[in-house]
Full PDB file with SEQRES, HELIX, SHEET, SSBOND, CRYST1, ORIGX, SCALE, CONECT and MASTER records, all heavy atoms in Angstrom:
SEQRES   1 A   41  GLN ARG GLU PRO GLY SER GLY ARG LEU ALA ALA TYR ALA          
SEQRES   2 A   41  ALA ALA ALA ALA MET LEU THR GLY ARG ALA ASP ALA SER          
SEQRES   3 A   41  PRO GLU ASP GLY ALA VAL TRP LEU GLU ALA LEU CYS ARG          
SEQRES   4 A   41  ARG LEU                                                      
HELIX    1 AA1 GLY A    7  THR A   20  1                                  14    
HELIX    2 AA2 PRO A   27  ARG A   40  1                                  14    
CRYST1    1.000    1.000    1.000  90.00  90.00  90.00 P 1           1          
ORIGX1      1.000000  0.000000  0.000000        0.00000                         
ORIGX2      0.000000  1.000000  0.000000        0.00000                         
ORIGX3      0.000000  0.000000  1.000000        0.00000                         
SCALE1      1.000000  0.000000  0.000000        0.00000                         
SCALE2      0.000000  1.000000  0.000000        0.00000                         
SCALE3      0.000000  0.000000  1.000000        0.00000                         
ATOM      1  N   GLN A   1       0.809  -1.224  -0.013  1.00  0.00           N  
ATOM      2  CA  GLN A   1      -0.021   0.039   0.005  1.00  0.00           C  
ATOM      3  C   GLN A   1       0.803   1.266   0.015  1.00  0.00           C  
ATOM      4  O   GLN A   1       0.646   2.245  -0.765  1.00  0.00           O  
ATOM      5  CB  GLN A   1      -0.897  -0.017   1.249  1.00  0.00           C  
ATOM      6  CG  GLN A   1      -1.854   1.213   1.320  1.00  0.00           C  
ATOM      7  CD  GLN A   1      -2.694   1.192   2.553  1.00  0.00           C  
ATOM      8  OE1 GLN A   1      -2.564   0.346   3.454  1.00  0.00           O  
ATOM      9  NE2 GLN A   1      -3.698   2.021   2.520  1.00  0.00           N  
ATOM     10  N   ARG A   2       1.911   1.294   0.842  1.00  0.00           N  
ATOM     11  CA  ARG A   2       2.638   2.573   1.012  1.00  0.00           C  
ATOM     12  C   ARG A   2       4.005   2.608   0.390  1.00  0.00           C  
ATOM     13  O   ARG A   2       4.476   3.672   0.159  1.00  0.00           O  
ATOM     14  CB  ARG A   2       2.801   2.851   2.507  1.00  0.00           C  
ATOM     15  CG  ARG A   2       1.478   3.046   3.198  1.00  0.00           C  
ATOM     16  CD  ARG A   2       1.524   3.704   4.623  1.00  0.00           C  
ATOM     17  NE  ARG A   2       2.307   2.939   5.593  1.00  0.00           N  
ATOM     18  CZ  ARG A   2       1.755   1.986   6.285  1.00  0.00           C  
ATOM     19  NH1 ARG A   2       0.587   1.527   6.082  1.00  0.00           N  
ATOM     20  NH2 ARG A   2       2.503   1.315   7.168  1.00  0.00           N  
ATOM     21  N   GLU A   3       4.659   1.380   0.226  1.00  0.00           N  
ATOM     22  CA  GLU A   3       5.996   1.451  -0.372  1.00  0.00           C  
ATOM     23  C   GLU A   3       6.173   0.296  -1.348  1.00  0.00           C  
ATOM     24  O   GLU A   3       6.894  -0.590  -1.146  1.00  0.00           O  
ATOM     25  CB  GLU A   3       7.063   1.253   0.791  1.00  0.00           C  
ATOM     26  CG  GLU A   3       7.065   2.455   1.790  1.00  0.00           C  
ATOM     27  CD  GLU A   3       8.088   2.205   2.914  1.00  0.00           C  
ATOM     28  OE1 GLU A   3       9.063   1.484   2.658  1.00  0.00           O  
ATOM     29  OE2 GLU A   3       7.917   2.888   3.906  1.00  0.00           O  
ATOM     30  N   PRO A   4       5.323   0.379  -2.465  1.00  0.00           N  
ATOM     31  CA  PRO A   4       5.338  -0.816  -3.382  1.00  0.00           C  
ATOM     32  C   PRO A   4       6.697  -1.012  -4.055  1.00  0.00           C  
ATOM     33  O   PRO A   4       6.879  -2.167  -4.611  1.00  0.00           O  
ATOM     34  CB  PRO A   4       4.234  -0.464  -4.358  1.00  0.00           C  
ATOM     35  CG  PRO A   4       4.112   1.087  -4.237  1.00  0.00           C  
ATOM     36  CD  PRO A   4       4.417   1.407  -2.810  1.00  0.00           C  
ATOM     37  N   GLY A   5       7.563  -0.034  -4.124  1.00  0.00           N  
ATOM     38  CA  GLY A   5       8.859  -0.181  -4.726  1.00  0.00           C  
ATOM     39  C   GLY A   5       9.976  -0.617  -3.763  1.00  0.00           C  
ATOM     40  O   GLY A   5      11.173  -0.589  -4.168  1.00  0.00           O  
ATOM     41  N   SER A   6       9.534  -0.896  -2.559  1.00  0.00           N  
ATOM     42  CA  SER A   6      10.540  -1.186  -1.461  1.00  0.00           C  
ATOM     43  C   SER A   6      11.315  -2.403  -1.738  1.00  0.00           C  
ATOM     44  O   SER A   6      10.784  -3.399  -2.208  1.00  0.00           O  
ATOM     45  CB  SER A   6       9.887  -1.228  -0.138  1.00  0.00           C  
ATOM     46  OG  SER A   6      10.748  -1.767   0.878  1.00  0.00           O  
ATOM     47  N   GLY A   7      12.690  -2.321  -1.451  1.00  0.00           N  
ATOM     48  CA  GLY A   7      13.518  -3.501  -1.494  1.00  0.00           C  
ATOM     49  C   GLY A   7      13.104  -4.544  -0.504  1.00  0.00           C  
ATOM     50  O   GLY A   7      13.365  -5.750  -0.559  1.00  0.00           O  
ATOM     51  N   ARG A   8      12.338  -4.132   0.615  1.00  0.00           N  
ATOM     52  CA  ARG A   8      11.951  -5.059   1.604  1.00  0.00           C  
ATOM     53  C   ARG A   8      10.826  -5.932   1.012  1.00  0.00           C  
ATOM     54  O   ARG A   8      10.699  -7.102   1.397  1.00  0.00           O  
ATOM     55  CB  ARG A   8      11.411  -4.310   2.842  1.00  0.00           C  
ATOM     56  CG  ARG A   8      12.514  -3.404   3.502  1.00  0.00           C  
ATOM     57  CD  ARG A   8      13.753  -4.256   3.920  1.00  0.00           C  
ATOM     58  NE  ARG A   8      14.785  -4.239   2.726  1.00  0.00           N  
ATOM     59  CZ  ARG A   8      15.622  -5.224   2.564  1.00  0.00           C  
ATOM     60  NH1 ARG A   8      15.656  -6.239   3.462  1.00  0.00           N  
ATOM     61  NH2 ARG A   8      16.464  -5.247   1.636  1.00  0.00           N  
ATOM     62  N   LEU A   9       9.984  -5.429   0.153  1.00  0.00           N  
ATOM     63  CA  LEU A   9       8.935  -6.261  -0.514  1.00  0.00           C  
ATOM     64  C   LEU A   9       9.672  -7.274  -1.405  1.00  0.00           C  
ATOM     65  O   LEU A   9       9.221  -8.404  -1.401  1.00  0.00           O  
ATOM     66  CB  LEU A   9       8.047  -5.368  -1.275  1.00  0.00           C  
ATOM     67  CG  LEU A   9       6.724  -6.037  -1.732  1.00  0.00           C  
ATOM     68  CD1 LEU A   9       5.995  -6.625  -0.604  1.00  0.00           C  
ATOM     69  CD2 LEU A   9       5.847  -5.026  -2.554  1.00  0.00           C  
ATOM     70  N   ALA A  10      10.673  -6.828  -2.090  1.00  0.00           N  
ATOM     71  CA  ALA A  10      11.476  -7.756  -2.854  1.00  0.00           C  
ATOM     72  C   ALA A  10      12.113  -8.863  -2.042  1.00  0.00           C  
ATOM     73  O   ALA A  10      12.176 -10.077  -2.441  1.00  0.00           O  
ATOM     74  CB  ALA A  10      12.522  -7.038  -3.672  1.00  0.00           C  
ATOM     75  N   ALA A  11      12.554  -8.533  -0.841  1.00  0.00           N  
ATOM     76  CA  ALA A  11      13.108  -9.453   0.087  1.00  0.00           C  
ATOM     77  C   ALA A  11      12.030 -10.492   0.462  1.00  0.00           C  
ATOM     78  O   ALA A  11      12.299 -11.749   0.536  1.00  0.00           O  
ATOM     79  CB  ALA A  11      13.692  -8.781   1.229  1.00  0.00           C  
ATOM     80  N   TYR A  12      10.789 -10.039   0.764  1.00  0.00           N  
ATOM     81  CA  TYR A  12       9.789 -10.958   1.099  1.00  0.00           C  
ATOM     82  C   TYR A  12       9.480 -11.955  -0.138  1.00  0.00           C  
ATOM     83  O   TYR A  12       9.190 -13.151   0.118  1.00  0.00           O  
ATOM     84  CB  TYR A  12       8.476 -10.282   1.383  1.00  0.00           C  
ATOM     85  CG  TYR A  12       8.274  -9.970   2.830  1.00  0.00           C  
ATOM     86  CD1 TYR A  12       8.270  -8.739   3.382  1.00  0.00           C  
ATOM     87  CD2 TYR A  12       8.119 -10.976   3.798  1.00  0.00           C  
ATOM     88  CE1 TYR A  12       8.060  -8.418   4.726  1.00  0.00           C  
ATOM     89  CE2 TYR A  12       7.849 -10.827   5.180  1.00  0.00           C  
ATOM     90  CZ  TYR A  12       7.874  -9.462   5.603  1.00  0.00           C  
ATOM     91  OH  TYR A  12       7.625  -9.158   6.946  1.00  0.00           O  
ATOM     92  N   ALA A  13       9.602 -11.457  -1.317  1.00  0.00           N  
ATOM     93  CA  ALA A  13       9.401 -12.319  -2.450  1.00  0.00           C  
ATOM     94  C   ALA A  13      10.535 -13.339  -2.561  1.00  0.00           C  
ATOM     95  O   ALA A  13      10.263 -14.521  -2.866  1.00  0.00           O  
ATOM     96  CB  ALA A  13       9.347 -11.423  -3.742  1.00  0.00           C  
ATOM     97  N   ALA A  14      11.778 -12.917  -2.305  1.00  0.00           N  
ATOM     98  CA  ALA A  14      12.881 -13.834  -2.447  1.00  0.00           C  
ATOM     99  C   ALA A  14      12.802 -14.899  -1.231  1.00  0.00           C  
ATOM    100  O   ALA A  14      13.004 -16.094  -1.519  1.00  0.00           O  
ATOM    101  CB  ALA A  14      14.205 -13.050  -2.173  1.00  0.00           C  
ATOM    102  N   ALA A  15      12.362 -14.531  -0.113  1.00  0.00           N  
ATOM    103  CA  ALA A  15      12.030 -15.426   0.997  1.00  0.00           C  
ATOM    104  C   ALA A  15      10.985 -16.455   0.623  1.00  0.00           C  
ATOM    105  O   ALA A  15      11.160 -17.677   0.931  1.00  0.00           O  
ATOM    106  CB  ALA A  15      11.702 -14.712   2.285  1.00  0.00           C  
ATOM    107  N   ALA A  16       9.929 -15.956   0.003  1.00  0.00           N  
ATOM    108  CA  ALA A  16       8.899 -16.847  -0.502  1.00  0.00           C  
ATOM    109  C   ALA A  16       9.369 -17.875  -1.442  1.00  0.00           C  
ATOM    110  O   ALA A  16       8.952 -19.016  -1.331  1.00  0.00           O  
ATOM    111  CB  ALA A  16       7.740 -16.006  -0.994  1.00  0.00           C  
ATOM    112  N   ALA A  17      10.209 -17.479  -2.265  1.00  0.00           N  
ATOM    113  CA  ALA A  17      10.761 -18.454  -3.279  1.00  0.00           C  
ATOM    114  C   ALA A  17      11.593 -19.483  -2.657  1.00  0.00           C  
ATOM    115  O   ALA A  17      11.484 -20.700  -2.902  1.00  0.00           O  
ATOM    116  CB  ALA A  17      11.572 -17.707  -4.343  1.00  0.00           C  
ATOM    117  N   MET A  18      12.301 -19.160  -1.567  1.00  0.00           N  
ATOM    118  CA  MET A  18      13.164 -20.065  -0.855  1.00  0.00           C  
ATOM    119  C   MET A  18      12.361 -21.013   0.001  1.00  0.00           C  
ATOM    120  O   MET A  18      12.571 -22.166   0.124  1.00  0.00           O  
ATOM    121  CB  MET A  18      14.223 -19.341  -0.034  1.00  0.00           C  
ATOM    122  CG  MET A  18      15.293 -18.681  -0.796  1.00  0.00           C  
ATOM    123  SD  MET A  18      16.482 -17.837   0.213  1.00  0.00           S  
ATOM    124  CE  MET A  18      15.682 -16.215   0.465  1.00  0.00           C  
ATOM    125  N   LEU A  19      11.257 -20.477   0.617  1.00  0.00           N  
ATOM    126  CA  LEU A  19      10.421 -21.279   1.467  1.00  0.00           C  
ATOM    127  C   LEU A  19       9.566 -22.286   0.771  1.00  0.00           C  
ATOM    128  O   LEU A  19       9.439 -23.427   1.066  1.00  0.00           O  
ATOM    129  CB  LEU A  19       9.594 -20.417   2.373  1.00  0.00           C  
ATOM    130  CG  LEU A  19      10.357 -19.601   3.406  1.00  0.00           C  
ATOM    131  CD1 LEU A  19       9.392 -18.513   4.077  1.00  0.00           C  
ATOM    132  CD2 LEU A  19      11.090 -20.475   4.471  1.00  0.00           C  
ATOM    133  N   THR A  20       8.886 -21.798  -0.363  1.00  0.00           N  
ATOM    134  CA  THR A  20       8.076 -22.616  -1.092  1.00  0.00           C  
ATOM    135  C   THR A  20       8.720 -23.479  -2.187  1.00  0.00           C  
ATOM    136  O   THR A  20       8.196 -24.480  -2.655  1.00  0.00           O  
ATOM    137  CB  THR A  20       7.000 -21.782  -1.874  1.00  0.00           C  
ATOM    138  OG1 THR A  20       7.662 -20.957  -2.857  1.00  0.00           O  
ATOM    139  CG2 THR A  20       6.335 -20.824  -0.779  1.00  0.00           C  
ATOM    140  N   GLY A  21       9.942 -23.096  -2.530  1.00  0.00           N  
ATOM    141  CA  GLY A  21      10.647 -23.786  -3.602  1.00  0.00           C  
ATOM    142  C   GLY A  21      10.230 -23.463  -5.009  1.00  0.00           C  
ATOM    143  O   GLY A  21      10.472 -24.033  -6.059  1.00  0.00           O  
ATOM    144  N   ARG A  22       9.372 -22.381  -5.084  1.00  0.00           N  
ATOM    145  CA  ARG A  22       8.819 -21.853  -6.361  1.00  0.00           C  
ATOM    146  C   ARG A  22       9.422 -20.513  -6.696  1.00  0.00           C  
ATOM    147  O   ARG A  22       9.331 -19.571  -5.954  1.00  0.00           O  
ATOM    148  CB  ARG A  22       7.336 -21.674  -6.306  1.00  0.00           C  
ATOM    149  CG  ARG A  22       6.592 -23.012  -6.177  1.00  0.00           C  
ATOM    150  CD  ARG A  22       5.012 -22.816  -6.057  1.00  0.00           C  
ATOM    151  NE  ARG A  22       4.652 -21.548  -6.582  1.00  0.00           N  
ATOM    152  CZ  ARG A  22       3.794 -20.616  -6.053  1.00  0.00           C  
ATOM    153  NH1 ARG A  22       3.327 -20.879  -4.823  1.00  0.00           N  
ATOM    154  NH2 ARG A  22       3.440 -19.593  -6.651  1.00  0.00           N  
ATOM    155  N   ALA A  23      10.147 -20.450  -7.845  1.00  0.00           N  
ATOM    156  CA  ALA A  23      10.847 -19.188  -8.211  1.00  0.00           C  
ATOM    157  C   ALA A  23       9.857 -18.083  -8.457  1.00  0.00           C  
ATOM    158  O   ALA A  23      10.167 -16.873  -8.220  1.00  0.00           O  
ATOM    159  CB  ALA A  23      11.644 -19.404  -9.504  1.00  0.00           C  
ATOM    160  N   ASP A  24       8.558 -18.323  -8.720  1.00  0.00           N  
ATOM    161  CA  ASP A  24       7.590 -17.309  -9.101  1.00  0.00           C  
ATOM    162  C   ASP A  24       6.692 -16.963  -7.926  1.00  0.00           C  
ATOM    163  O   ASP A  24       5.685 -16.244  -8.048  1.00  0.00           O  
ATOM    164  CB  ASP A  24       6.683 -17.748 -10.240  1.00  0.00           C  
ATOM    165  CG  ASP A  24       5.914 -18.932  -9.862  1.00  0.00           C  
ATOM    166  OD1 ASP A  24       6.150 -19.716  -8.904  1.00  0.00           O  
ATOM    167  OD2 ASP A  24       4.886 -19.237 -10.669  1.00  0.00           O  
ATOM    168  N   ALA A  25       7.111 -17.473  -6.675  1.00  0.00           N  
ATOM    169  CA  ALA A  25       6.340 -17.151  -5.524  1.00  0.00           C  
ATOM    170  C   ALA A  25       6.160 -15.731  -5.212  1.00  0.00           C  
ATOM    171  O   ALA A  25       7.195 -15.017  -5.326  1.00  0.00           O  
ATOM    172  CB  ALA A  25       6.828 -18.008  -4.293  1.00  0.00           C  
ATOM    173  N   SER A  26       5.068 -15.247  -4.837  1.00  0.00           N  
ATOM    174  CA  SER A  26       4.856 -13.840  -4.465  1.00  0.00           C  
ATOM    175  C   SER A  26       5.079 -13.761  -2.882  1.00  0.00           C  
ATOM    176  O   SER A  26       5.095 -14.768  -2.187  1.00  0.00           O  
ATOM    177  CB  SER A  26       3.369 -13.415  -4.738  1.00  0.00           C  
ATOM    178  OG  SER A  26       2.454 -14.167  -3.873  1.00  0.00           O  
ATOM    179  N   PRO A  27       5.251 -12.512  -2.388  1.00  0.00           N  
ATOM    180  CA  PRO A  27       5.362 -12.383  -0.959  1.00  0.00           C  
ATOM    181  C   PRO A  27       4.123 -12.999  -0.204  1.00  0.00           C  
ATOM    182  O   PRO A  27       4.312 -13.610   0.806  1.00  0.00           O  
ATOM    183  CB  PRO A  27       5.394 -10.836  -0.775  1.00  0.00           C  
ATOM    184  CG  PRO A  27       6.038 -10.311  -2.048  1.00  0.00           C  
ATOM    185  CD  PRO A  27       5.489 -11.178  -3.100  1.00  0.00           C  
ATOM    186  N   GLU A  28       2.903 -12.795  -0.797  1.00  0.00           N  
ATOM    187  CA  GLU A  28       1.814 -13.320  -0.078  1.00  0.00           C  
ATOM    188  C   GLU A  28       1.796 -14.903  -0.154  1.00  0.00           C  
ATOM    189  O   GLU A  28       1.333 -15.466   0.836  1.00  0.00           O  
ATOM    190  CB  GLU A  28       0.551 -12.891  -0.962  1.00  0.00           C  
ATOM    191  CG  GLU A  28       0.180 -11.413  -0.732  1.00  0.00           C  
ATOM    192  CD  GLU A  28       1.023 -10.494  -1.595  1.00  0.00           C  
ATOM    193  OE1 GLU A  28       1.773 -10.965  -2.409  1.00  0.00           O  
ATOM    194  OE2 GLU A  28       0.798  -9.254  -1.523  1.00  0.00           O  
ATOM    195  N   ASP A  29       2.309 -15.460  -1.141  1.00  0.00           N  
ATOM    196  CA  ASP A  29       2.584 -16.984  -1.174  1.00  0.00           C  
ATOM    197  C   ASP A  29       3.397 -17.453   0.059  1.00  0.00           C  
ATOM    198  O   ASP A  29       3.167 -18.464   0.634  1.00  0.00           O  
ATOM    199  CB  ASP A  29       3.118 -17.498  -2.447  1.00  0.00           C  
ATOM    200  CG  ASP A  29       2.275 -17.243  -3.736  1.00  0.00           C  
ATOM    201  OD1 ASP A  29       1.044 -17.270  -3.452  1.00  0.00           O  
ATOM    202  OD2 ASP A  29       2.774 -17.149  -4.750  1.00  0.00           O  
ATOM    203  N   GLY A  30       4.413 -16.629   0.313  1.00  0.00           N  
ATOM    204  CA  GLY A  30       5.344 -16.922   1.500  1.00  0.00           C  
ATOM    205  C   GLY A  30       4.518 -16.845   2.796  1.00  0.00           C  
ATOM    206  O   GLY A  30       4.655 -17.715   3.639  1.00  0.00           O  
ATOM    207  N   ALA A  31       3.657 -15.878   2.947  1.00  0.00           N  
ATOM    208  CA  ALA A  31       2.842 -15.780   4.121  1.00  0.00           C  
ATOM    209  C   ALA A  31       1.866 -16.908   4.277  1.00  0.00           C  
ATOM    210  O   ALA A  31       1.688 -17.453   5.370  1.00  0.00           O  
ATOM    211  CB  ALA A  31       2.065 -14.456   4.079  1.00  0.00           C  
ATOM    212  N   VAL A  32       1.222 -17.356   3.242  1.00  0.00           N  
ATOM    213  CA  VAL A  32       0.410 -18.548   3.238  1.00  0.00           C  
ATOM    214  C   VAL A  32       1.139 -19.783   3.589  1.00  0.00           C  
ATOM    215  O   VAL A  32       0.695 -20.652   4.461  1.00  0.00           O  
ATOM    216  CB  VAL A  32      -0.312 -18.698   1.837  1.00  0.00           C  
ATOM    217  CG1 VAL A  32      -1.012 -20.067   1.798  1.00  0.00           C  
ATOM    218  CG2 VAL A  32      -1.259 -17.591   1.622  1.00  0.00           C  
ATOM    219  N   TRP A  33       2.390 -19.889   3.105  1.00  0.00           N  
ATOM    220  CA  TRP A  33       3.231 -21.080   3.411  1.00  0.00           C  
ATOM    221  C   TRP A  33       3.538 -21.080   4.896  1.00  0.00           C  
ATOM    222  O   TRP A  33       3.547 -22.139   5.570  1.00  0.00           O  
ATOM    223  CB  TRP A  33       4.490 -20.974   2.598  1.00  0.00           C  
ATOM    224  CG  TRP A  33       5.373 -22.289   2.724  1.00  0.00           C  
ATOM    225  CD1 TRP A  33       5.441 -23.321   1.950  1.00  0.00           C  
ATOM    226  CD2 TRP A  33       6.448 -22.441   3.761  1.00  0.00           C  
ATOM    227  NE1 TRP A  33       6.397 -24.187   2.431  1.00  0.00           N  
ATOM    228  CE2 TRP A  33       7.042 -23.676   3.479  1.00  0.00           C  
ATOM    229  CE3 TRP A  33       6.917 -21.683   4.756  1.00  0.00           C  
ATOM    230  CZ2 TRP A  33       8.040 -24.105   4.287  1.00  0.00           C  
ATOM    231  CZ3 TRP A  33       7.917 -22.181   5.616  1.00  0.00           C  
ATOM    232  CH2 TRP A  33       8.539 -23.364   5.299  1.00  0.00           C  
ATOM    233  N   LEU A  34       3.844 -19.890   5.488  1.00  0.00           N  
ATOM    234  CA  LEU A  34       4.202 -19.796   6.837  1.00  0.00           C  
ATOM    235  C   LEU A  34       2.987 -20.243   7.713  1.00  0.00           C  
ATOM    236  O   LEU A  34       3.179 -20.933   8.702  1.00  0.00           O  
ATOM    237  CB  LEU A  34       4.593 -18.396   7.258  1.00  0.00           C  
ATOM    238  CG  LEU A  34       5.955 -17.956   6.703  1.00  0.00           C  
ATOM    239  CD1 LEU A  34       6.089 -16.485   6.927  1.00  0.00           C  
ATOM    240  CD2 LEU A  34       7.073 -18.654   7.374  1.00  0.00           C  
ATOM    241  N   GLU A  35       1.818 -19.807   7.348  1.00  0.00           N  
ATOM    242  CA  GLU A  35       0.620 -20.072   8.047  1.00  0.00           C  
ATOM    243  C   GLU A  35       0.336 -21.640   8.015  1.00  0.00           C  
ATOM    244  O   GLU A  35       0.022 -22.325   9.060  1.00  0.00           O  
ATOM    245  CB  GLU A  35      -0.616 -19.389   7.537  1.00  0.00           C  
ATOM    246  CG  GLU A  35      -1.882 -19.605   8.345  1.00  0.00           C  
ATOM    247  CD  GLU A  35      -3.024 -18.623   7.961  1.00  0.00           C  
ATOM    248  OE1 GLU A  35      -2.813 -17.949   6.983  1.00  0.00           O  
ATOM    249  OE2 GLU A  35      -3.989 -18.601   8.690  1.00  0.00           O  
ATOM    250  N   ALA A  36       0.571 -22.243   6.928  1.00  0.00           N  
ATOM    251  CA  ALA A  36       0.322 -23.668   6.769  1.00  0.00           C  
ATOM    252  C   ALA A  36       1.318 -24.418   7.610  1.00  0.00           C  
ATOM    253  O   ALA A  36       1.061 -25.398   8.311  1.00  0.00           O  
ATOM    254  CB  ALA A  36       0.369 -24.083   5.321  1.00  0.00           C  
ATOM    255  N   LEU A  37       2.605 -23.946   7.636  1.00  0.00           N  
ATOM    256  CA  LEU A  37       3.635 -24.648   8.418  1.00  0.00           C  
ATOM    257  C   LEU A  37       3.324 -24.575   9.907  1.00  0.00           C  
ATOM    258  O   LEU A  37       3.469 -25.530  10.666  1.00  0.00           O  
ATOM    259  CB  LEU A  37       5.049 -24.120   8.166  1.00  0.00           C  
ATOM    260  CG  LEU A  37       6.231 -24.678   9.060  1.00  0.00           C  
ATOM    261  CD1 LEU A  37       6.407 -26.110   8.662  1.00  0.00           C  
ATOM    262  CD2 LEU A  37       7.472 -23.830   8.827  1.00  0.00           C  
ATOM    263  N   CYS A  38       2.954 -23.388  10.330  1.00  0.00           N  
ATOM    264  CA  CYS A  38       2.617 -23.201  11.747  1.00  0.00           C  
ATOM    265  C   CYS A  38       1.426 -24.067  12.225  1.00  0.00           C  
ATOM    266  O   CYS A  38       1.421 -24.652  13.348  1.00  0.00           O  
ATOM    267  CB  CYS A  38       2.289 -21.695  12.083  1.00  0.00           C  
ATOM    268  SG  CYS A  38       3.709 -20.631  12.012  1.00  0.00           S  
ATOM    269  N   ARG A  39       0.475 -24.226  11.293  1.00  0.00           N  
ATOM    270  CA  ARG A  39      -0.629 -25.047  11.588  1.00  0.00           C  
ATOM    271  C   ARG A  39      -0.197 -26.540  11.671  1.00  0.00           C  
ATOM    272  O   ARG A  39      -0.620 -27.341  12.548  1.00  0.00           O  
ATOM    273  CB  ARG A  39      -1.757 -24.945  10.495  1.00  0.00           C  
ATOM    274  CG  ARG A  39      -3.031 -25.546  10.863  1.00  0.00           C  
ATOM    275  CD  ARG A  39      -4.076 -25.340   9.757  1.00  0.00           C  
ATOM    276  NE  ARG A  39      -4.169 -23.945   9.344  1.00  0.00           N  
ATOM    277  CZ  ARG A  39      -3.873 -23.503   8.186  1.00  0.00           C  
ATOM    278  NH1 ARG A  39      -3.453 -24.423   7.204  1.00  0.00           N  
ATOM    279  NH2 ARG A  39      -3.970 -22.283   7.806  1.00  0.00           N  
ATOM    280  N   ARG A  40       0.697 -26.956  10.713  1.00  0.00           N  
ATOM    281  CA  ARG A  40       1.154 -28.375  10.755  1.00  0.00           C  
ATOM    282  C   ARG A  40       1.892 -28.691  11.946  1.00  0.00           C  
ATOM    283  O   ARG A  40       1.910 -29.771  12.514  1.00  0.00           O  
ATOM    284  CB  ARG A  40       2.010 -28.561   9.508  1.00  0.00           C  
ATOM    285  CG  ARG A  40       2.638 -29.881   9.377  1.00  0.00           C  
ATOM    286  CD  ARG A  40       3.483 -30.033   8.076  1.00  0.00           C  
ATOM    287  NE  ARG A  40       4.252 -31.163   7.767  1.00  0.00           N  
ATOM    288  CZ  ARG A  40       4.770 -32.080   8.509  1.00  0.00           C  
ATOM    289  NH1 ARG A  40       4.432 -32.220   9.809  1.00  0.00           N  
ATOM    290  NH2 ARG A  40       5.494 -33.051   8.052  1.00  0.00           N  
ATOM    291  N   LEU A  41       2.640 -27.705  12.505  1.00  0.00           N  
ATOM    292  CA  LEU A  41       3.497 -27.962  13.657  1.00  0.00           C  
ATOM    293  C   LEU A  41       2.751 -27.628  14.971  1.00  0.00           C  
ATOM    294  O   LEU A  41       3.376 -27.741  16.104  1.00  0.00           O  
ATOM    295  CB  LEU A  41       4.763 -27.045  13.647  1.00  0.00           C  
ATOM    296  CG  LEU A  41       5.682 -27.279  12.445  1.00  0.00           C  
ATOM    297  CD1 LEU A  41       6.943 -26.540  12.586  1.00  0.00           C  
ATOM    298  CD2 LEU A  41       6.090 -28.824  12.246  1.00  0.00           C  
TER     299      LEU A  41                                                      
MASTER        0    0    0    2    0    0    0    6  298    1    0    4          
END                                                                             
């Protein structure tokens, strides 16, 4: 909403790719993956 060009948003995207194993993962995909992992554990 406020800083769409932020390098921190790009960092979230990079983290999502590492967590999900999908190069095209969005930051939101990473958040969904985290929620699923926390539920599983």
